[in-house]
Amino acid sequence: MSSISGISSSALAAYGVKQAVTANNVANISSTNFQASNTVLSENKGGGVSATVQQGSDSVDISKEAVDMMVTSSGYGANIKALQVSDQMAKDALNIVK
């Protein structure tokens, strides 16, 4: 999976998991005895990104969750842009051949 689109697609999926975990934490902020989960993003051998969800031992910290949402949004946007650039490069390469 060393293609740009494959790597970016896996990163988008990983960021989707991270955002879902953050949303779950925020949704349960008032739940009794709820412990916030954490998402760890890691590099895959051969390219790509994977997400691992870990159960935490702390309660939900809304400031941490807000920062996590901003980081996830930035990462998601960067990978969307990488896909767009990859697509444009492929189109430009085909136009050169014509």
Foldseek 3Di string as FASTA:
>chain_A
DQDLLQQLVLLLVQLVVQLVLLVVLVVCLPPPPQFRKHWDWDADVVHHIHIDIGTGNHHDDVVVSVVSVVVSVVSNVVSVVSVVVSVVVVVVVVVVVD
